[in-house]
Amino acid sequence: MASLGTITVTLSQMAKQIDHSLLPPNMTDAEIQAGLDLCSKYKVASACVKPYSIPAAVETFKGTDVKVCAVIGFPHGNSTTEIKVLEAVAAVTAGATEIDMVVNVGKVLGKDWGYVAAEIAAINTAVESEGAILKVIFENDFLQDEHIVELCKICTKAKVAFVKTSTGYGFVKRENGMYSYNGATVPHVELMRKECGPDVKIKAAGGVRTVDEFLYMMKIGTTRIGTSGTAGLMEEAKRRGIGEEPTVVELKAPRESAGGSGY
């Protein structure tokens, strides 16, 4: 991989870029609790959980600065706006301070921008009125650049806190009949950073698995990384000499698409 300059980073800065994902549908309560404990250990930004796990996360993170992030309309975004608003308010009431919501992908592809804008605005208003922030998941694997650009404009106008690349579950059927997804790609993150207003932050989710990929995403404008590979990333960073003192790391371009299966 070619060198692309350097980035100065600490281990704590990396940790505070991470939304640790605990979203697979087959996770048991014991596995979720182990993940919450891992979040406390590494002092990540947040644990991204399903709504029923919010109370466990709130209890685990007492006395820490790890936030509780809950998903709504997840993973396909097909609930009605009314239900998404109710789900978001219920999640915040239960203790979540960040909400990750999925757009209605069909409405986006159909370019029903009035519906899409009204839904995002309604959920954002509801979430902010409860003292929380909203991240809007685009599910870029399903979209073309023109859809992403319009979503960025809508989210900027609505003044949402974050836009997010993917759920990690946006699998696309390929010509061979197999399903796969790309997740966060460099071109999509660069496009989102370009088209969103300066106050809208970027979250890259899905496929960021190495320190090189992680740091490159930081360099090009992400503020959060959604990953289930927190332990591997943090331990790799330590092996590479990244600690609590600012460390200069040579950047290497990641693959355009990390891809894979899983969040």
C-alpha atoms as a PDB file:
ATOM      1  CA  MET A   1       0.000   0.000   0.000  1.00  0.00           C
ATOM      2  CA  ALA A   2       1.293   3.461  -0.876  1.00  0.00           C
ATOM      3  CA  SER A   3       2.113   5.952   1.867  1.00  0.00           C
ATOM      4  CA  LEU A   4      -0.290   8.882   2.210  1.00  0.00           C
ATOM      5  CA  GLY A   5       1.469  10.981   4.807  1.00  0.00           C
ATOM      6  CA  THR A   6       1.027  10.675   8.559  1.00  0.00           C
ATOM      7  CA  ILE A   7      -1.547  11.099  11.298  1.00  0.00           C
ATOM      8  CA  THR A   8      -0.846  11.869  14.947  1.00  0.00           C
ATOM      9  CA  VAL A   9      -3.076   9.873  17.266  1.00  0.00           C
ATOM     10  CA  THR A  10      -3.378   8.412  20.760  1.00  0.00           C
ATOM     11  CA  LEU A  11      -5.020   5.176  21.847  1.00  0.00           C
ATOM     12  CA  SER A  12      -7.708   7.141  23.676  1.00  0.00           C
ATOM     13  CA  GLN A  13      -8.488   9.159  20.536  1.00  0.00           C
ATOM     14  CA  MET A  14      -8.971   5.939  18.613  1.00  0.00           C
ATOM     15  CA  ALA A  15     -11.222   4.512  21.331  1.00  0.00           C
ATOM     16  CA  LYS A  16     -13.391   7.629  21.325  1.00  0.00           C
ATOM     17  CA  GLN A  17     -13.964   7.160  17.592  1.00  0.00           C
ATOM     18  CA  ILE A  18     -15.562   3.742  18.166  1.00  0.00           C
ATOM     19  CA  ASP A  19     -19.238   2.854  18.368  1.00  0.00           C
ATOM     20  CA  HIS A  20     -18.922  -0.792  19.357  1.00  0.00           C
ATOM     21  CA  SER A  21     -21.617  -2.841  17.643  1.00  0.00           C
ATOM     22  CA  LEU A  22     -23.720  -5.354  19.572  1.00  0.00           C
ATOM     23  CA  LEU A  23     -26.390  -5.818  16.925  1.00  0.00           C
ATOM     24  CA  PRO A  24     -26.346  -9.385  15.508  1.00  0.00           C
ATOM     25  CA  PRO A  25     -29.824 -10.896  15.922  1.00  0.00           C
ATOM     26  CA  ASN A  26     -28.469 -14.090  17.480  1.00  0.00           C
ATOM     27  CA  MET A  27     -26.546 -12.489  20.367  1.00  0.00           C
ATOM     28  CA  THR A  28     -27.527 -13.824  23.781  1.00  0.00           C
ATOM     29  CA  ASP A  29     -27.812 -11.635  26.861  1.00  0.00           C
ATOM     30  CA  ALA A  30     -24.526 -13.076  28.115  1.00  0.00           C
ATOM     31  CA  GLU A  31     -22.778 -12.172  24.853  1.00  0.00           C
ATOM     32  CA  ILE A  32     -24.232  -8.687  24.935  1.00  0.00           C
ATOM     33  CA  GLN A  33     -23.044  -8.210  28.517  1.00  0.00           C
ATOM     34  CA  ALA A  34     -19.553  -9.355  27.548  1.00  0.00           C
ATOM     35  CA  GLY A  35     -19.599  -6.763  24.773  1.00  0.00           C
ATOM     36  CA  LEU A  36     -20.728  -4.041  27.152  1.00  0.00           C
ATOM     37  CA  ASP A  37     -17.900  -4.961  29.522  1.00  0.00           C
ATOM     38  CA  LEU A  38     -15.468  -4.744  26.604  1.00  0.00           C
ATOM     39  CA  CYS A  39     -16.757  -1.219  25.893  1.00  0.00           C
ATOM     40  CA  SER A  40     -16.017  -0.245  29.482  1.00  0.00           C
ATOM     41  CA  LYS A  41     -12.556  -1.802  29.288  1.00  0.00           C
ATOM     42  CA  TYR A  42     -11.502   0.127  26.187  1.00  0.00           C
ATOM     43  CA  LYS A  43     -13.480   3.304  27.049  1.00  0.00           C
ATOM     44  CA  VAL A  44     -15.029   3.563  23.595  1.00  0.00           C
ATOM     45  CA  ALA A  45     -17.369   6.359  22.525  1.00  0.00           C
ATOM     46  CA  SER A  46     -20.504   4.229  22.708  1.00  0.00           C
ATOM     47  CA  ALA A  47     -22.041   0.794  22.598  1.00  0.00           C
ATOM     48  CA  CYS A  48     -24.493   0.486  19.710  1.00  0.00           C
ATOM     49  CA  VAL A  49     -27.277  -1.766  20.962  1.00  0.00           C
ATOM     50  CA  LYS A  50     -30.737  -3.040  20.132  1.00  0.00           C
ATOM     51  CA  PRO A  51     -33.464  -1.268  22.110  1.00  0.00           C
ATOM     52  CA  TYR A  52     -34.096  -4.082  24.588  1.00  0.00           C
ATOM     53  CA  SER A  53     -30.423  -3.943  25.639  1.00  0.00           C
ATOM     54  CA  ILE A  54     -30.548  -0.283  26.683  1.00  0.00           C
ATOM     55  CA  PRO A  55     -31.169  -0.946  30.414  1.00  0.00           C
ATOM     56  CA  ALA A  56     -28.204  -3.334  30.607  1.00  0.00           C
ATOM     57  CA  ALA A  57     -25.991  -0.791  28.869  1.00  0.00           C
ATOM     58  CA  VAL A  58     -27.121   2.041  31.144  1.00  0.00           C
ATOM     59  CA  GLU A  59     -26.344  -0.075  34.209  1.00  0.00           C
ATOM     60  CA  THR A  60     -22.949  -1.193  32.891  1.00  0.00           C
ATOM     61  CA  PHE A  61     -21.817   2.320  32.000  1.00  0.00           C
ATOM     62  CA  LYS A  62     -22.695   4.006  35.296  1.00  0.00           C
ATOM     63  CA  GLY A  63     -19.710   6.077  36.391  1.00  0.00           C
ATOM     64  CA  THR A  64     -18.098   5.992  32.929  1.00  0.00           C
ATOM     65  CA  ASP A  65     -18.248   8.288  29.907  1.00  0.00           C
ATOM     66  CA  VAL A  66     -19.267   5.495  27.517  1.00  0.00           C
ATOM     67  CA  LYS A  67     -22.515   6.448  25.822  1.00  0.00           C
ATOM     68  CA  VAL A  68     -25.525   4.279  25.014  1.00  0.00           C
ATOM     69  CA  CYS A  69     -26.445   4.330  21.323  1.00  0.00           C
ATOM     70  CA  ALA A  70     -29.637   2.558  20.266  1.00  0.00           C
ATOM     71  CA  VAL A  71     -30.778   1.618  16.772  1.00  0.00           C
ATOM     72  CA  ILE A  72     -34.312   2.191  15.489  1.00  0.00           C
ATOM     73  CA  GLY A  73     -36.005   1.074  12.296  1.00  0.00           C
ATOM     74  CA  PHE A  74     -33.158  -1.402  12.162  1.00  0.00           C
ATOM     75  CA  PRO A  75     -31.881  -2.843   9.912  1.00  0.00           C
ATOM     76  CA  HIS A  76     -34.125  -2.104   6.917  1.00  0.00           C
ATOM     77  CA  GLY A  77     -35.801   1.196   7.796  1.00  0.00           C
ATOM     78  CA  ASN A  78     -39.262   0.071   6.719  1.00  0.00           C
ATOM     79  CA  SER A  79     -41.332   1.027   9.779  1.00  0.00           C
ATOM     80  CA  THR A  80     -43.717   3.950   9.456  1.00  0.00           C
ATOM     81  CA  THR A  81     -42.489   7.357  10.504  1.00  0.00           C
ATOM     82  CA  GLU A  82     -44.879   7.276  13.465  1.00  0.00           C
ATOM     83  CA  ILE A  83     -43.406   4.015  14.739  1.00  0.00           C
ATOM     84  CA  LYS A  84     -39.837   5.225  14.224  1.00  0.00           C
ATOM     85  CA  VAL A  85     -40.574   8.337  16.265  1.00  0.00           C
ATOM     86  CA  LEU A  86     -42.181   6.296  19.043  1.00  0.00           C
ATOM     87  CA  GLU A  87     -39.268   3.854  19.026  1.00  0.00           C
ATOM     88  CA  ALA A  88     -36.740   6.674  19.167  1.00  0.00           C
ATOM     89  CA  VAL A  89     -38.475   8.433  22.072  1.00  0.00           C
ATOM     90  CA  ALA A  90     -38.832   5.137  23.952  1.00  0.00           C
ATOM     91  CA  ALA A  91     -35.117   4.446  23.457  1.00  0.00           C
ATOM     92  CA  VAL A  92     -34.097   7.848  24.784  1.00  0.00           C
ATOM     93  CA  THR A  93     -36.494   7.537  27.702  1.00  0.00           C
ATOM     94  CA  ALA A  94     -34.859   4.201  28.541  1.00  0.00           C
ATOM     95  CA  GLY A  95     -31.443   5.859  28.677  1.00  0.00           C
ATOM     96  CA  ALA A  96     -29.972   6.080  25.165  1.00  0.00           C
ATOM     97  CA  THR A  97     -28.290   9.392  24.387  1.00  0.00           C
ATOM     98  CA  GLU A  98     -27.623   8.608  20.732  1.00  0.00           C
ATOM     99  CA  ILE A  99     -30.011   7.147  18.164  1.00  0.00           C
ATOM    100  CA  ASP A 100     -28.983   5.454  14.894  1.00  0.00           C
ATOM    101  CA  MET A 101     -31.967   5.327  12.520  1.00  0.00           C
ATOM    102  CA  VAL A 102     -32.229   3.744   9.076  1.00  0.00           C
ATOM    103  CA  VAL A 103     -33.773   5.707   6.223  1.00  0.00           C
ATOM    104  CA  ASN A 104     -36.634   4.221   4.233  1.00  0.00           C
ATOM    105  CA  VAL A 105     -34.414   2.866   1.443  1.00  0.00           C
ATOM    106  CA  GLY A 106     -37.306   2.219  -0.938  1.00  0.00           C
ATOM    107  CA  LYS A 107     -38.444   5.828  -0.629  1.00  0.00           C
ATOM    108  CA  VAL A 108     -34.874   6.996  -1.245  1.00  0.00           C
ATOM    109  CA  LEU A 109     -34.517   4.841  -4.360  1.00  0.00           C
ATOM    110  CA  GLY A 110     -37.903   6.063  -5.551  1.00  0.00           C
ATOM    111  CA  LYS A 111     -36.728   9.645  -4.971  1.00  0.00           C
ATOM    112  CA  ASP A 112     -39.704  10.466  -2.776  1.00  0.00           C
ATOM    113  CA  TRP A 113     -37.625  13.173  -1.199  1.00  0.00           C
ATOM    114  CA  GLY A 114     -40.533  14.872   0.523  1.00  0.00           C
ATOM    115  CA  TYR A 115     -41.312  11.714   2.477  1.00  0.00           C
ATOM    116  CA  VAL A 116     -37.643  11.086   3.281  1.00  0.00           C
ATOM    117  CA  ALA A 117     -37.031  14.666   4.442  1.00  0.00           C
ATOM    118  CA  ALA A 118     -40.177  14.772   6.559  1.00  0.00           C
ATOM    119  CA  GLU A 119     -39.308  11.488   8.269  1.00  0.00           C
ATOM    120  CA  ILE A 120     -35.733  12.486   9.079  1.00  0.00           C
ATOM    121  CA  ALA A 121     -36.879  15.875  10.386  1.00  0.00           C
ATOM    122  CA  ALA A 122     -39.606  14.323  12.558  1.00  0.00           C
ATOM    123  CA  ILE A 123     -37.248  11.806  14.146  1.00  0.00           C
ATOM    124  CA  ASN A 124     -34.493  14.374  14.635  1.00  0.00           C
ATOM    125  CA  THR A 125     -36.888  16.803  16.311  1.00  0.00           C
ATOM    126  CA  ALA A 126     -38.215  14.074  18.607  1.00  0.00           C
ATOM    127  CA  VAL A 127     -34.740  12.884  19.558  1.00  0.00           C
ATOM    128  CA  GLU A 128     -33.329  16.353  20.152  1.00  0.00           C
ATOM    129  CA  SER A 129     -36.347  17.338  22.246  1.00  0.00           C
ATOM    130  CA  GLU A 130     -35.418  14.482  24.581  1.00  0.00           C
ATOM    131  CA  GLY A 131     -31.790  15.643  24.822  1.00  0.00           C
ATOM    132  CA  ALA A 132     -30.255  13.051  22.520  1.00  0.00           C
ATOM    133  CA  ILE A 133     -28.632  13.163  19.074  1.00  0.00           C
ATOM    134  CA  LEU A 134     -29.493  11.435  15.798  1.00  0.00           C
ATOM    135  CA  LYS A 135     -27.344   9.520  13.325  1.00  0.00           C
ATOM    136  CA  VAL A 136     -29.000   8.823   9.961  1.00  0.00           C
ATOM    137  CA  ILE A 137     -27.988   5.555   8.270  1.00  0.00           C
ATOM    138  CA  PHE A 138     -28.035   5.761   4.463  1.00  0.00           C
ATOM    139  CA  GLU A 139     -27.252   2.089   3.609  1.00  0.00           C
ATOM    140  CA  ASN A 140     -24.955   3.092   0.769  1.00  0.00           C
ATOM    141  CA  ASP A 141     -24.693  -0.390  -0.742  1.00  0.00           C
ATOM    142  CA  PHE A 142     -28.222   0.037  -2.087  1.00  0.00           C
ATOM    143  CA  LEU A 143     -27.671   3.572  -3.399  1.00  0.00           C
ATOM    144  CA  GLN A 144     -26.090   5.517  -6.230  1.00  0.00           C
ATOM    145  CA  ASP A 145     -24.060   8.666  -5.675  1.00  0.00           C
ATOM    146  CA  GLU A 146     -27.040  10.867  -6.612  1.00  0.00           C
ATOM    147  CA  HIS A 147     -29.062   9.369  -3.742  1.00  0.00           C
ATOM    148  CA  ILE A 148     -26.220   9.890  -1.278  1.00  0.00           C
ATOM    149  CA  VAL A 149     -25.792  13.512  -2.345  1.00  0.00           C
ATOM    150  CA  GLU A 150     -29.501  14.261  -1.871  1.00  0.00           C
ATOM    151  CA  LEU A 151     -29.547  12.552   1.527  1.00  0.00           C
ATOM    152  CA  CYS A 152     -26.583  14.664   2.589  1.00  0.00           C
ATOM    153  CA  LYS A 153     -28.482  17.809   1.605  1.00  0.00           C
ATOM    154  CA  ILE A 154     -31.581  16.682   3.499  1.00  0.00           C
ATOM    155  CA  CYS A 155     -29.605  15.794   6.627  1.00  0.00           C
ATOM    156  CA  THR A 156     -27.697  19.071   6.519  1.00  0.00           C
ATOM    157  CA  LYS A 157     -30.952  21.033   6.276  1.00  0.00           C
ATOM    158  CA  ALA A 158     -32.443  19.015   9.156  1.00  0.00           C
ATOM    159  CA  LYS A 159     -29.286  19.662  11.217  1.00  0.00           C
ATOM    160  CA  VAL A 160     -28.812  16.039  12.249  1.00  0.00           C
ATOM    161  CA  ALA A 161     -25.703  15.251  14.264  1.00  0.00           C
ATOM    162  CA  PHE A 162     -24.321  12.452  12.067  1.00  0.00           C
ATOM    163  CA  VAL A 163     -24.769  10.680   8.780  1.00  0.00           C
ATOM    164  CA  LYS A 164     -23.712   7.042   8.650  1.00  0.00           C
ATOM    165  CA  THR A 165     -22.713   4.818   5.755  1.00  0.00           C
ATOM    166  CA  SER A 166     -24.264   1.455   6.557  1.00  0.00           C
ATOM    167  CA  THR A 167     -26.030  -0.875   8.964  1.00  0.00           C
ATOM    168  CA  GLY A 168     -23.663  -3.760   8.324  1.00  0.00           C
ATOM    169  CA  TYR A 169     -26.648  -5.767   7.123  1.00  0.00           C
ATOM    170  CA  GLY A 170     -27.326  -4.206   3.717  1.00  0.00           C
ATOM    171  CA  PHE A 171     -26.545  -7.301   1.709  1.00  0.00           C
ATOM    172  CA  VAL A 172     -26.899  -7.016  -2.068  1.00  0.00           C
ATOM    173  CA  LYS A 173     -27.668 -10.013  -4.281  1.00  0.00           C
ATOM    174  CA  ARG A 174     -24.923 -10.444  -6.870  1.00  0.00           C
ATOM    175  CA  GLU A 175     -25.078 -11.950 -10.355  1.00  0.00           C
ATOM    176  CA  ASN A 176     -23.935 -15.323  -9.014  1.00  0.00           C
ATOM    177  CA  GLY A 177     -26.855 -15.387  -6.569  1.00  0.00           C
ATOM    178  CA  MET A 178     -24.658 -14.791  -3.527  1.00  0.00           C
ATOM    179  CA  TYR A 179     -25.199 -11.908  -1.105  1.00  0.00           C
ATOM    180  CA  SER A 180     -22.451  -9.558   0.067  1.00  0.00           C
ATOM    181  CA  TYR A 181     -21.943  -5.958   1.109  1.00  0.00           C
ATOM    182  CA  ASN A 182     -19.198  -3.359   0.964  1.00  0.00           C
ATOM    183  CA  GLY A 183     -20.054  -1.285   4.021  1.00  0.00           C
ATOM    184  CA  ALA A 184     -17.979   1.867   4.462  1.00  0.00           C
ATOM    185  CA  THR A 185     -15.902   2.696   1.395  1.00  0.00           C
ATOM    186  CA  VAL A 186     -13.409   5.496   0.910  1.00  0.00           C
ATOM    187  CA  PRO A 187     -15.261   7.056  -2.065  1.00  0.00           C
ATOM    188  CA  HIS A 188     -18.555   7.106  -0.179  1.00  0.00           C
ATOM    189  CA  VAL A 189     -17.049   8.626   2.964  1.00  0.00           C
ATOM    190  CA  GLU A 190     -15.276  11.274   0.882  1.00  0.00           C
ATOM    191  CA  LEU A 191     -18.536  12.035  -0.951  1.00  0.00           C
ATOM    192  CA  MET A 192     -20.496  12.330   2.292  1.00  0.00           C
ATOM    193  CA  ARG A 193     -17.877  14.634   3.815  1.00  0.00           C
ATOM    194  CA  LYS A 194     -17.942  16.810   0.690  1.00  0.00           C
ATOM    195  CA  GLU A 195     -21.735  17.046   0.418  1.00  0.00           C
ATOM    196  CA  CYS A 196     -22.683  17.440   4.095  1.00  0.00           C
ATOM    197  CA  GLY A 197     -22.460  20.744   5.894  1.00  0.00           C
ATOM    198  CA  PRO A 198     -19.527  21.262   8.271  1.00  0.00           C
ATOM    199  CA  ASP A 199     -21.674  20.686  11.374  1.00  0.00           C
ATOM    200  CA  VAL A 200     -22.773  17.211  10.251  1.00  0.00           C
ATOM    201  CA  LYS A 201     -20.376  14.490  11.360  1.00  0.00           C
ATOM    202  CA  ILE A 202     -19.627  11.260   9.498  1.00  0.00           C
ATOM    203  CA  LYS A 203     -19.829   7.717  10.856  1.00  0.00           C
ATOM    204  CA  ALA A 204     -18.291   4.894   8.818  1.00  0.00           C
ATOM    205  CA  ALA A 205     -19.736   1.475   9.614  1.00  0.00           C
ATOM    206  CA  GLY A 206     -19.096  -1.942   8.170  1.00  0.00           C
ATOM    207  CA  GLY A 207     -15.836  -3.402   6.930  1.00  0.00           C
ATOM    208  CA  VAL A 208     -13.315  -1.256   8.850  1.00  0.00           C
ATOM    209  CA  ARG A 209     -11.189  -3.980  10.394  1.00  0.00           C
ATOM    210  CA  THR A 210      -7.534  -2.896  10.410  1.00  0.00           C
ATOM    211  CA  VAL A 211      -5.695  -0.003  12.012  1.00  0.00           C
ATOM    212  CA  ASP A 212      -4.658   1.238   8.562  1.00  0.00           C
ATOM    213  CA  GLU A 213      -8.293   1.346   7.437  1.00  0.00           C
ATOM    214  CA  PHE A 214      -9.363   2.936  10.717  1.00  0.00           C
ATOM    215  CA  LEU A 215      -6.768   5.713  10.660  1.00  0.00           C
ATOM    216  CA  TYR A 216      -7.381   6.469   6.993  1.00  0.00           C
ATOM    217  CA  MET A 217     -11.095   6.891   7.693  1.00  0.00           C
ATOM    218  CA  MET A 218     -10.169   9.310  10.490  1.00  0.00           C
ATOM    219  CA  LYS A 219      -7.914  11.240   8.121  1.00  0.00           C
ATOM    220  CA  ILE A 220     -10.589  11.728   5.467  1.00  0.00           C
ATOM    221  CA  GLY A 221     -13.188  13.032   7.864  1.00  0.00           C
ATOM    222  CA  THR A 222     -14.962  10.428   9.999  1.00  0.00           C
ATOM    223  CA  THR A 223     -15.707  11.147  13.646  1.00  0.00           C
ATOM    224  CA  ARG A 224     -17.029   7.675  14.511  1.00  0.00           C
ATOM    225  CA  ILE A 225     -16.346   4.146  13.310  1.00  0.00           C
ATOM    226  CA  GLY A 226     -18.983   1.460  13.793  1.00  0.00           C
ATOM    227  CA  THR A 227     -17.328  -1.900  14.378  1.00  0.00           C
ATOM    228  CA  SER A 228     -17.641  -5.187  16.205  1.00  0.00           C
ATOM    229  CA  GLY A 229     -13.858  -5.617  15.968  1.00  0.00           C
ATOM    230  CA  THR A 230     -12.919  -3.200  18.749  1.00  0.00           C
ATOM    231  CA  ALA A 231     -10.644  -5.563  20.661  1.00  0.00           C
ATOM    232  CA  GLY A 232      -8.675  -6.506  17.548  1.00  0.00           C
ATOM    233  CA  LEU A 233      -8.275  -2.885  16.483  1.00  0.00           C
ATOM    234  CA  MET A 234      -7.160  -1.661  19.888  1.00  0.00           C
ATOM    235  CA  GLU A 235      -4.727  -4.506  20.442  1.00  0.00           C
ATOM    236  CA  GLU A 236      -3.268  -4.055  16.940  1.00  0.00           C
ATOM    237  CA  ALA A 237      -2.831  -0.345  17.682  1.00  0.00           C
ATOM    238  CA  LYS A 238      -0.942  -1.181  20.878  1.00  0.00           C
ATOM    239  CA  ARG A 239       1.337  -3.604  19.013  1.00  0.00           C
ATOM    240  CA  ARG A 240       2.136  -0.824  16.559  1.00  0.00           C
ATOM    241  CA  GLY A 241       3.247   1.455  19.361  1.00  0.00           C
ATOM    242  CA  ILE A 242       0.162   3.655  19.693  1.00  0.00           C
ATOM    243  CA  GLY A 243      -0.304   4.604  23.325  1.00  0.00           C
ATOM    244  CA  GLU A 244      -1.470   7.497  25.474  1.00  0.00           C
ATOM    245  CA  GLU A 245       1.195   9.853  24.193  1.00  0.00           C
ATOM    246  CA  PRO A 246       0.604  11.328  20.720  1.00  0.00           C
ATOM    247  CA  THR A 247       2.085   8.942  18.187  1.00  0.00           C
ATOM    248  CA  VAL A 248       2.902   9.717  14.546  1.00  0.00           C
ATOM    249  CA  VAL A 249       1.660   6.901  12.314  1.00  0.00           C
ATOM    250  CA  GLU A 250       2.370   6.562   8.606  1.00  0.00           C
ATOM    251  CA  LEU A 251      -0.873   6.339   6.685  1.00  0.00           C
ATOM    252  CA  LYS A 252      -1.480   3.675   4.100  1.00  0.00           C
ATOM    253  CA  ALA A 253      -4.423   3.635   1.737  1.00  0.00           C
ATOM    254  CA  PRO A 254      -6.894   0.872   2.577  1.00  0.00           C
ATOM    255  CA  ARG A 255      -8.673  -1.155  -0.027  1.00  0.00           C
ATOM    256  CA  GLU A 256     -11.375   0.922  -1.668  1.00  0.00           C
ATOM    257  CA  SER A 257     -13.927  -1.404  -0.157  1.00  0.00           C
ATOM    258  CA  ALA A 258     -13.184  -3.508   2.886  1.00  0.00           C
ATOM    259  CA  GLY A 259     -16.367  -5.475   2.334  1.00  0.00           C
ATOM    260  CA  GLY A 260     -17.154  -8.713   4.124  1.00  0.00           C
ATOM    261  CA  SER A 261     -19.953 -10.018   6.241  1.00  0.00           C
ATOM    262  CA  GLY A 262     -20.880  -8.563   9.600  1.00  0.00           C
ATOM    263  CA  TYR A 263     -20.903  -5.117  11.119  1.00  0.00           C
END
